[in-house]
Amino acid sequence: MNIKPFNTGDVKKRSLNVLIYGHAGSGKTHALGDFQDIFGKGLVISGEAGLETIMPKNIDAVEFYSVMKPVDKSKHPNGYSFKEILEWIQTPQFREMGYNWIAVDSLTELSRRAFAEAREAVKDNRQVYTTYDAILDPIVNDLRDLPIHTILVALAAVREADGQTVYWPMLHQKSKEQQYCGTADLVGCITVAPVTGKNSQGKEITQLQRFTIFDKVQGWQGKRRDPKNRIASIENDGNVAEKVKRILMSDEEFEKYKTKGAA
């Protein structure tokens, strides 16, 4: 057998798996509009209200009302199960539509529906989580394997651990929260905090500003696979898409980017 190894320096990843989470109103769905601005045509798979914030971006969207169960078309004529949507995503027809990224808004709602369907499917409560795993894990794995940017959006859950407050993406089963953070290339935690400064008249004012955390900071579980260290642990905005672009730049592109004063 003749095995030819490759060199890790030659690996060029062109798409990332991104997890964005934060409290309600922090700007998670709004961040999807930045992916449209930077990477072009995308698709949002929506399981809850809130797309109004990105209406001006004219992003394609489909709605899911179940995970595996058939959807009642009399109630939701334009709705689908997540299973149906995922099957469509894997067709040549979908590839021909030219999407550069896909987002699930939200992973929290997908998890909730998967758990509810698992509970309906089994009589033995001891099998609920096994069934839940069997429903949700293959879906997340299939999304992760797509050759385009995949963004999972989730609410933040507040947990207490060893006397510390920590924030994880809100999912049924705590091990899932850690698992999906672990498999993502980039985990951005969007937060909003008051910032005090001065206006043009020199008067002190306080405004709300978005921050995105990409590291384990103040209980948030951010993460970055950023081999060239191009993004900070805390970035002073909610534009996650711009951070993805920065990570994927060639050295020449990044030097030009820095020269323009953007970094």
C-alpha atoms as a PDB file:
ATOM      1  CA  MET A   1       0.000   0.000   0.000  1.00  0.00           C
ATOM      2  CA  ASN A   2       1.330   3.422  -0.990  1.00  0.00           C
ATOM      3  CA  ILE A   3       0.049   6.162   1.335  1.00  0.00           C
ATOM      4  CA  LYS A   4       0.869   9.751   0.422  1.00  0.00           C
ATOM      5  CA  PRO A   5       0.556  12.224   3.313  1.00  0.00           C
ATOM      6  CA  PHE A   6      -0.440  15.823   2.762  1.00  0.00           C
ATOM      7  CA  ASN A   7       1.082  18.895   4.364  1.00  0.00           C
ATOM      8  CA  THR A   8      -1.067  20.840   6.832  1.00  0.00           C
ATOM      9  CA  GLY A   9       0.336  24.069   5.422  1.00  0.00           C
ATOM     10  CA  ASP A  10      -1.483  23.323   2.188  1.00  0.00           C
ATOM     11  CA  VAL A  11      -4.917  23.059   3.845  1.00  0.00           C
ATOM     12  CA  LYS A  12      -7.159  25.946   2.778  1.00  0.00           C
ATOM     13  CA  LYS A  13     -10.576  25.878   4.395  1.00  0.00           C
ATOM     14  CA  ARG A  14     -13.006  28.077   2.474  1.00  0.00           C
ATOM     15  CA  SER A  15     -16.115  27.681   4.609  1.00  0.00           C
ATOM     16  CA  LEU A  16     -16.649  27.794   8.354  1.00  0.00           C
ATOM     17  CA  ASN A  17     -19.157  26.365  10.805  1.00  0.00           C
ATOM     18  CA  VAL A  18     -20.291  29.239  12.989  1.00  0.00           C
ATOM     19  CA  LEU A  19     -22.355  29.265  16.175  1.00  0.00           C
ATOM     20  CA  ILE A  20     -23.788  32.607  17.293  1.00  0.00           C
ATOM     21  CA  TYR A  21     -25.578  32.899  20.607  1.00  0.00           C
ATOM     22  CA  GLY A  22     -26.742  35.582  23.005  1.00  0.00           C
ATOM     23  CA  HIS A  23     -29.664  36.897  24.978  1.00  0.00           C
ATOM     24  CA  ALA A  24     -32.923  37.965  23.306  1.00  0.00           C
ATOM     25  CA  GLY A  25     -32.497  41.301  21.546  1.00  0.00           C
ATOM     26  CA  SER A  26     -28.707  41.179  21.429  1.00  0.00           C
ATOM     27  CA  GLY A  27     -28.577  41.208  17.617  1.00  0.00           C
ATOM     28  CA  LYS A  28     -28.150  37.543  16.689  1.00  0.00           C
ATOM     29  CA  THR A  29     -30.610  37.561  13.777  1.00  0.00           C
ATOM     30  CA  HIS A  30     -29.395  41.011  12.756  1.00  0.00           C
ATOM     31  CA  ALA A  31     -25.915  39.494  12.367  1.00  0.00           C
ATOM     32  CA  LEU A  32     -27.220  37.285   9.563  1.00  0.00           C
ATOM     33  CA  GLY A  33     -27.719  40.387   7.441  1.00  0.00           C
ATOM     34  CA  ASP A  34     -23.963  40.944   7.581  1.00  0.00           C
ATOM     35  CA  PHE A  35     -23.406  37.522   5.987  1.00  0.00           C
ATOM     36  CA  GLN A  36     -25.602  38.627   3.084  1.00  0.00           C
ATOM     37  CA  ASP A  37     -23.621  41.867   2.737  1.00  0.00           C
ATOM     38  CA  ILE A  38     -20.210  40.177   2.829  1.00  0.00           C
ATOM     39  CA  PHE A  39     -20.730  36.716   1.298  1.00  0.00           C
ATOM     40  CA  GLY A  40     -23.705  37.316  -0.976  1.00  0.00           C
ATOM     41  CA  LYS A  41     -26.702  35.069  -1.446  1.00  0.00           C
ATOM     42  CA  GLY A  42     -27.749  33.060   1.594  1.00  0.00           C
ATOM     43  CA  LEU A  43     -30.661  31.098   3.015  1.00  0.00           C
ATOM     44  CA  VAL A  44     -32.220  31.347   6.468  1.00  0.00           C
ATOM     45  CA  ILE A  45     -34.065  28.313   7.838  1.00  0.00           C
ATOM     46  CA  SER A  46     -36.412  29.922  10.330  1.00  0.00           C
ATOM     47  CA  GLY A  47     -38.261  28.258  13.168  1.00  0.00           C
ATOM     48  CA  GLU A  48     -39.411  31.330  15.038  1.00  0.00           C
ATOM     49  CA  ALA A  49     -40.466  34.948  14.605  1.00  0.00           C
ATOM     50  CA  GLY A  50     -37.900  37.710  14.369  1.00  0.00           C
ATOM     51  CA  LEU A  51     -36.918  37.921  10.694  1.00  0.00           C
ATOM     52  CA  GLU A  52     -38.269  41.475  10.563  1.00  0.00           C
ATOM     53  CA  THR A  53     -34.828  42.740  11.593  1.00  0.00           C
ATOM     54  CA  ILE A  54     -33.313  41.505   8.315  1.00  0.00           C
ATOM     55  CA  MET A  55     -36.257  42.245   5.998  1.00  0.00           C
ATOM     56  CA  PRO A  56     -34.371  45.084   4.211  1.00  0.00           C
ATOM     57  CA  LYS A  57     -31.637  42.579   3.228  1.00  0.00           C
ATOM     58  CA  ASN A  58     -34.041  40.523   1.044  1.00  0.00           C
ATOM     59  CA  ILE A  59     -32.587  37.198   2.169  1.00  0.00           C
ATOM     60  CA  ASP A  60     -34.232  33.953   1.026  1.00  0.00           C
ATOM     61  CA  ALA A  61     -35.911  32.038   3.844  1.00  0.00           C
ATOM     62  CA  VAL A  62     -37.888  28.848   4.493  1.00  0.00           C
ATOM     63  CA  GLU A  63     -39.831  28.038   7.653  1.00  0.00           C
ATOM     64  CA  PHE A  64     -39.854  24.793   9.605  1.00  0.00           C
ATOM     65  CA  TYR A  65     -42.688  23.775  11.932  1.00  0.00           C
ATOM     66  CA  SER A  66     -41.445  20.314  12.866  1.00  0.00           C
ATOM     67  CA  VAL A  67     -38.274  18.264  12.719  1.00  0.00           C
ATOM     68  CA  MET A  68     -39.207  14.808  11.435  1.00  0.00           C
ATOM     69  CA  LYS A  69     -43.014  14.878  11.603  1.00  0.00           C
ATOM     70  CA  PRO A  70     -45.078  15.894   8.546  1.00  0.00           C
ATOM     71  CA  VAL A  71     -46.315  19.484   8.730  1.00  0.00           C
ATOM     72  CA  ASP A  72     -50.042  20.195   8.747  1.00  0.00           C
ATOM     73  CA  LYS A  73     -50.336  22.119   5.468  1.00  0.00           C
ATOM     74  CA  SER A  74     -53.814  23.359   6.357  1.00  0.00           C
ATOM     75  CA  LYS A  75     -52.203  25.341   9.191  1.00  0.00           C
ATOM     76  CA  HIS A  76     -48.848  26.088   7.590  1.00  0.00           C
ATOM     77  CA  PRO A  77     -49.224  26.004   3.784  1.00  0.00           C
ATOM     78  CA  ASN A  78     -45.705  27.396   3.273  1.00  0.00           C
ATOM     79  CA  GLY A  79     -44.061  25.445   6.080  1.00  0.00           C
ATOM     80  CA  TYR A  80     -41.911  22.321   6.035  1.00  0.00           C
ATOM     81  CA  SER A  81     -40.353  19.813   8.372  1.00  0.00           C
ATOM     82  CA  PHE A  82     -36.636  20.269   8.927  1.00  0.00           C
ATOM     83  CA  LYS A  83     -36.174  16.810   7.433  1.00  0.00           C
ATOM     84  CA  GLU A  84     -37.774  17.985   4.164  1.00  0.00           C
ATOM     85  CA  ILE A  85     -35.603  21.097   4.069  1.00  0.00           C
ATOM     86  CA  LEU A  86     -32.431  19.118   4.715  1.00  0.00           C
ATOM     87  CA  GLU A  87     -33.264  16.663   1.942  1.00  0.00           C
ATOM     88  CA  TRP A  88     -33.795  19.591  -0.442  1.00  0.00           C
ATOM     89  CA  ILE A  89     -30.472  21.162   0.605  1.00  0.00           C
ATOM     90  CA  GLN A  90     -28.682  18.001  -0.509  1.00  0.00           C
ATOM     91  CA  THR A  91     -30.141  18.054  -4.048  1.00  0.00           C
ATOM     92  CA  PRO A  92     -28.510  19.337  -7.271  1.00  0.00           C
ATOM     93  CA  GLN A  93     -31.399  21.823  -7.513  1.00  0.00           C
ATOM     94  CA  PHE A  94     -30.269  23.493  -4.287  1.00  0.00           C
ATOM     95  CA  ARG A  95     -26.626  23.593  -5.392  1.00  0.00           C
ATOM     96  CA  GLU A  96     -27.649  25.271  -8.649  1.00  0.00           C
ATOM     97  CA  MET A  97     -29.331  28.088  -6.703  1.00  0.00           C
ATOM     98  CA  GLY A  98     -25.900  29.426  -5.765  1.00  0.00           C
ATOM     99  CA  TYR A  99     -26.177  29.905  -2.018  1.00  0.00           C
ATOM    100  CA  ASN A 100     -22.934  30.877  -0.294  1.00  0.00           C
ATOM    101  CA  TRP A 101     -24.144  30.436   3.278  1.00  0.00           C
ATOM    102  CA  ILE A 102     -27.009  28.934   5.221  1.00  0.00           C
ATOM    103  CA  ALA A 103     -28.292  29.804   8.689  1.00  0.00           C
ATOM    104  CA  VAL A 104     -30.610  28.081  11.168  1.00  0.00           C
ATOM    105  CA  ASP A 105     -32.596  30.512  13.300  1.00  0.00           C
ATOM    106  CA  SER A 106     -32.702  29.023  15.732  1.00  0.00           C
ATOM    107  CA  LEU A 107     -30.858  25.963  16.988  1.00  0.00           C
ATOM    108  CA  THR A 108     -32.688  26.518  20.275  1.00  0.00           C
ATOM    109  CA  GLU A 109     -36.061  26.050  18.585  1.00  0.00           C
ATOM    110  CA  LEU A 110     -34.824  23.100  16.529  1.00  0.00           C
ATOM    111  CA  SER A 111     -33.626  21.438  19.733  1.00  0.00           C
ATOM    112  CA  ARG A 112     -36.929  22.122  21.493  1.00  0.00           C
ATOM    113  CA  ARG A 113     -38.959  20.585  18.679  1.00  0.00           C
ATOM    114  CA  ALA A 114     -36.596  17.580  18.408  1.00  0.00           C
ATOM    115  CA  PHE A 115     -36.985  16.892  22.127  1.00  0.00           C
ATOM    116  CA  ALA A 116     -40.788  17.200  21.938  1.00  0.00           C
ATOM    117  CA  GLU A 117     -40.915  14.737  19.027  1.00  0.00           C
ATOM    118  CA  ALA A 118     -38.584  12.332  20.847  1.00  0.00           C
ATOM    119  CA  ARG A 119     -40.862  12.408  23.882  1.00  0.00           C
ATOM    120  CA  GLU A 120     -43.884  11.637  21.675  1.00  0.00           C
ATOM    121  CA  ALA A 121     -42.076   8.819  19.859  1.00  0.00           C
ATOM    122  CA  VAL A 122     -41.124   6.634  22.847  1.00  0.00           C
ATOM    123  CA  LYS A 123     -43.083   5.277  25.783  1.00  0.00           C
ATOM    124  CA  ASP A 124     -40.053   4.594  27.966  1.00  0.00           C
ATOM    125  CA  ASN A 125     -38.803   7.911  29.385  1.00  0.00           C
ATOM    126  CA  ARG A 126     -35.335   6.418  29.679  1.00  0.00           C
ATOM    127  CA  GLN A 127     -35.147   6.348  25.873  1.00  0.00           C
ATOM    128  CA  VAL A 128     -36.171   9.980  25.314  1.00  0.00           C
ATOM    129  CA  TYR A 129     -32.651  11.410  25.262  1.00  0.00           C
ATOM    130  CA  THR A 130     -31.333   8.561  23.115  1.00  0.00           C
ATOM    131  CA  THR A 131     -34.092   9.275  20.595  1.00  0.00           C
ATOM    132  CA  TYR A 132     -33.451  13.019  20.861  1.00  0.00           C
ATOM    133  CA  ASP A 133     -29.756  12.431  20.066  1.00  0.00           C
ATOM    134  CA  ALA A 134     -30.716  10.263  17.091  1.00  0.00           C
ATOM    135  CA  ILE A 135     -32.898  13.068  15.708  1.00  0.00           C
ATOM    136  CA  LEU A 136     -30.721  16.116  16.316  1.00  0.00           C
ATOM    137  CA  ASP A 137     -27.106  14.962  15.890  1.00  0.00           C
ATOM    138  CA  PRO A 138     -27.410  13.774  12.254  1.00  0.00           C
ATOM    139  CA  ILE A 139     -29.070  17.071  11.312  1.00  0.00           C
ATOM    140  CA  VAL A 140     -26.297  19.179  12.832  1.00  0.00           C
ATOM    141  CA  ASN A 141     -23.637  16.903  11.307  1.00  0.00           C
ATOM    142  CA  ASP A 142     -25.193  17.182   7.831  1.00  0.00           C
ATOM    143  CA  LEU A 143     -25.315  20.976   8.120  1.00  0.00           C
ATOM    144  CA  ARG A 144     -21.712  21.061   9.308  1.00  0.00           C
ATOM    145  CA  ASP A 145     -20.574  19.041   6.275  1.00  0.00           C
ATOM    146  CA  LEU A 146     -22.049  21.452   3.712  1.00  0.00           C
ATOM    147  CA  PRO A 147     -19.445  23.118   1.437  1.00  0.00           C
ATOM    148  CA  ILE A 148     -20.747  26.597   2.338  1.00  0.00           C
ATOM    149  CA  HIS A 149     -20.726  28.679   5.501  1.00  0.00           C
ATOM    150  CA  THR A 150     -23.146  27.281   8.081  1.00  0.00           C
ATOM    151  CA  ILE A 151     -24.423  29.521  10.866  1.00  0.00           C
ATOM    152  CA  LEU A 152     -26.386  28.196  13.833  1.00  0.00           C
ATOM    153  CA  VAL A 153     -28.127  30.828  15.960  1.00  0.00           C
ATOM    154  CA  ALA A 154     -29.176  30.154  19.564  1.00  0.00           C
ATOM    155  CA  LEU A 155     -30.447  31.906  22.647  1.00  0.00           C
ATOM    156  CA  ALA A 156     -28.146  32.046  25.659  1.00  0.00           C
ATOM    157  CA  ALA A 157     -28.849  29.894  28.708  1.00  0.00           C
ATOM    158  CA  VAL A 158     -27.700  31.073  32.138  1.00  0.00           C
ATOM    159  CA  ARG A 159     -26.071  28.288  34.176  1.00  0.00           C
ATOM    160  CA  GLU A 160     -24.386  28.153  37.562  1.00  0.00           C
ATOM    161  CA  ALA A 161     -21.163  26.136  37.864  1.00  0.00           C
ATOM    162  CA  ASP A 162     -18.865  26.114  40.905  1.00  0.00           C
ATOM    163  CA  GLY A 163     -20.338  29.374  42.130  1.00  0.00           C
ATOM    164  CA  GLN A 164     -19.799  31.058  38.748  1.00  0.00           C
ATOM    165  CA  THR A 165     -22.399  32.267  36.254  1.00  0.00           C
ATOM    166  CA  VAL A 166     -21.768  30.800  32.806  1.00  0.00           C
ATOM    167  CA  TYR A 167     -23.588  31.226  29.514  1.00  0.00           C
ATOM    168  CA  TRP A 168     -24.082  28.423  27.000  1.00  0.00           C
ATOM    169  CA  PRO A 169     -26.249  28.135  23.871  1.00  0.00           C
ATOM    170  CA  MET A 170     -29.719  27.142  25.084  1.00  0.00           C
ATOM    171  CA  LEU A 171     -30.425  23.514  24.155  1.00  0.00           C
ATOM    172  CA  HIS A 172     -32.121  20.524  25.717  1.00  0.00           C
ATOM    173  CA  GLN A 173     -29.406  18.494  27.429  1.00  0.00           C
ATOM    174  CA  LYS A 174     -26.386  20.372  28.755  1.00  0.00           C
ATOM    175  CA  SER A 175     -23.939  18.010  27.064  1.00  0.00           C
ATOM    176  CA  LYS A 176     -25.329  19.175  23.701  1.00  0.00           C
ATOM    177  CA  GLU A 177     -24.473  22.776  24.576  1.00  0.00           C
ATOM    178  CA  GLN A 178     -20.842  21.841  25.074  1.00  0.00           C
ATOM    179  CA  GLN A 179     -20.795  19.415  22.146  1.00  0.00           C
ATOM    180  CA  TYR A 180     -21.958  21.920  19.552  1.00  0.00           C
ATOM    181  CA  CYS A 181     -19.632  24.631  20.830  1.00  0.00           C
ATOM    182  CA  GLY A 182     -16.829  22.106  20.523  1.00  0.00           C
ATOM    183  CA  THR A 183     -17.538  21.176  16.912  1.00  0.00           C
ATOM    184  CA  ALA A 184     -17.955  24.747  15.629  1.00  0.00           C
ATOM    185  CA  ASP A 185     -15.038  26.559  13.995  1.00  0.00           C
ATOM    186  CA  LEU A 186     -16.138  29.872  15.454  1.00  0.00           C
ATOM    187  CA  VAL A 187     -18.408  30.580  18.421  1.00  0.00           C
ATOM    188  CA  GLY A 188     -19.451  34.213  18.740  1.00  0.00           C
ATOM    189  CA  CYS A 189     -21.320  35.387  21.839  1.00  0.00           C
ATOM    190  CA  ILE A 190     -23.105  38.659  21.092  1.00  0.00           C
ATOM    191  CA  THR A 191     -23.716  40.884  24.091  1.00  0.00           C
ATOM    192  CA  VAL A 192     -24.913  44.449  24.609  1.00  0.00           C
ATOM    193  CA  ALA A 193     -23.444  46.766  27.232  1.00  0.00           C
ATOM    194  CA  PRO A 194     -23.689  50.488  28.065  1.00  0.00           C
ATOM    195  CA  VAL A 195     -20.691  52.541  26.953  1.00  0.00           C
ATOM    196  CA  THR A 196     -20.054  56.085  28.183  1.00  0.00           C
ATOM    197  CA  GLY A 197     -18.459  58.665  25.931  1.00  0.00           C
ATOM    198  CA  LYS A 198     -18.774  62.267  24.791  1.00  0.00           C
ATOM    199  CA  ASN A 199     -20.795  63.709  21.920  1.00  0.00           C
ATOM    200  CA  SER A 200     -19.637  66.403  19.492  1.00  0.00           C
ATOM    201  CA  GLN A 201     -20.515  69.104  22.057  1.00  0.00           C
ATOM    202  CA  GLY A 202     -18.372  67.436  24.693  1.00  0.00           C
ATOM    203  CA  LYS A 203     -21.349  66.296  26.725  1.00  0.00           C
ATOM    204  CA  GLU A 204     -21.063  62.897  28.393  1.00  0.00           C
ATOM    205  CA  ILE A 205     -23.553  60.371  27.030  1.00  0.00           C
ATOM    206  CA  THR A 206     -24.198  56.679  27.558  1.00  0.00           C
ATOM    207  CA  GLN A 207     -25.097  54.444  24.632  1.00  0.00           C
ATOM    208  CA  LEU A 208     -25.637  50.738  24.159  1.00  0.00           C
ATOM    209  CA  GLN A 209     -22.955  48.980  22.131  1.00  0.00           C
ATOM    210  CA  ARG A 210     -22.744  45.448  20.781  1.00  0.00           C
ATOM    211  CA  PHE A 211     -19.725  43.288  21.503  1.00  0.00           C
ATOM    212  CA  THR A 212     -18.903  39.800  20.255  1.00  0.00           C
ATOM    213  CA  ILE A 213     -16.909  37.472  22.486  1.00  0.00           C
ATOM    214  CA  PHE A 214     -14.785  34.795  20.788  1.00  0.00           C
ATOM    215  CA  ASP A 215     -13.136  33.325  23.860  1.00  0.00           C
ATOM    216  CA  LYS A 216     -13.990  32.174  27.386  1.00  0.00           C
ATOM    217  CA  VAL A 217     -14.661  35.566  28.951  1.00  0.00           C
ATOM    218  CA  GLN A 218     -16.912  36.475  31.900  1.00  0.00           C
ATOM    219  CA  GLY A 219     -18.718  33.143  31.715  1.00  0.00           C
ATOM    220  CA  TRP A 220     -19.308  33.215  27.949  1.00  0.00           C
ATOM    221  CA  GLN A 221     -18.079  30.201  25.995  1.00  0.00           C
ATOM    222  CA  GLY A 222     -16.684  31.785  22.847  1.00  0.00           C
ATOM    223  CA  LYS A 223     -14.230  29.999  20.605  1.00  0.00           C
ATOM    224  CA  ARG A 224     -12.103  30.716  17.540  1.00  0.00           C
ATOM    225  CA  ARG A 225     -10.160  28.496  15.188  1.00  0.00           C
ATOM    226  CA  ASP A 226      -8.036  31.387  14.064  1.00  0.00           C
ATOM    227  CA  PRO A 227      -4.544  30.014  13.345  1.00  0.00           C
ATOM    228  CA  LYS A 228      -3.147  33.417  12.381  1.00  0.00           C
ATOM    229  CA  ASN A 229      -4.727  35.225  15.336  1.00  0.00           C
ATOM    230  CA  ARG A 230      -6.618  37.774  13.280  1.00  0.00           C
ATOM    231  CA  ILE A 231      -9.581  38.359  15.557  1.00  0.00           C
ATOM    232  CA  ALA A 232      -9.586  39.502  19.169  1.00  0.00           C
ATOM    233  CA  SER A 233     -11.109  37.748  22.141  1.00  0.00           C
ATOM    234  CA  ILE A 234     -13.639  40.608  22.278  1.00  0.00           C
ATOM    235  CA  GLU A 235     -14.605  42.549  19.162  1.00  0.00           C
ATOM    236  CA  ASN A 236     -16.422  45.887  19.464  1.00  0.00           C
ATOM    237  CA  ASP A 237     -19.360  45.075  17.195  1.00  0.00           C
ATOM    238  CA  GLY A 238     -21.792  42.300  16.303  1.00  0.00           C
ATOM    239  CA  ASN A 239     -20.525  41.699  12.770  1.00  0.00           C
ATOM    240  CA  VAL A 240     -19.535  38.032  12.942  1.00  0.00           C
ATOM    241  CA  ALA A 241     -19.446  37.708   9.144  1.00  0.00           C
ATOM    242  CA  GLU A 242     -16.609  40.223   8.922  1.00  0.00           C
ATOM    243  CA  LYS A 243     -14.592  38.099  11.369  1.00  0.00           C
ATOM    244  CA  VAL A 244     -15.176  35.011   9.207  1.00  0.00           C
ATOM    245  CA  LYS A 245     -13.939  36.942   6.182  1.00  0.00           C
ATOM    246  CA  ARG A 246     -10.876  38.086   8.110  1.00  0.00           C
ATOM    247  CA  ILE A 247      -9.947  34.525   9.122  1.00  0.00           C
ATOM    248  CA  LEU A 248     -10.223  33.297   5.526  1.00  0.00           C
ATOM    249  CA  MET A 249      -8.155  36.081   3.944  1.00  0.00           C
ATOM    250  CA  SER A 250      -4.851  35.234   2.324  1.00  0.00           C
ATOM    251  CA  ASP A 251      -1.797  36.881   3.886  1.00  0.00           C
ATOM    252  CA  GLU A 252      -1.714  39.381   1.017  1.00  0.00           C
ATOM    253  CA  GLU A 253      -5.406  40.223   1.438  1.00  0.00           C
ATOM    254  CA  PHE A 254      -4.997  40.667   5.160  1.00  0.00           C
ATOM    255  CA  GLU A 255      -2.020  43.000   4.765  1.00  0.00           C
ATOM    256  CA  LYS A 256      -4.091  45.176   2.415  1.00  0.00           C
ATOM    257  CA  TYR A 257      -6.940  45.035   4.918  1.00  0.00           C
ATOM    258  CA  LYS A 258      -4.683  46.269   7.721  1.00  0.00           C
ATOM    259  CA  THR A 259      -3.248  49.004   5.485  1.00  0.00           C
ATOM    260  CA  LYS A 260      -6.764  50.372   4.992  1.00  0.00           C
ATOM    261  CA  GLY A 261      -7.030  50.691   8.763  1.00  0.00           C
ATOM    262  CA  ALA A 262      -9.853  48.187   9.100  1.00  0.00           C
ATOM    263  CA  ALA A 263      -8.076  45.873  11.554  1.00  0.00           C
END
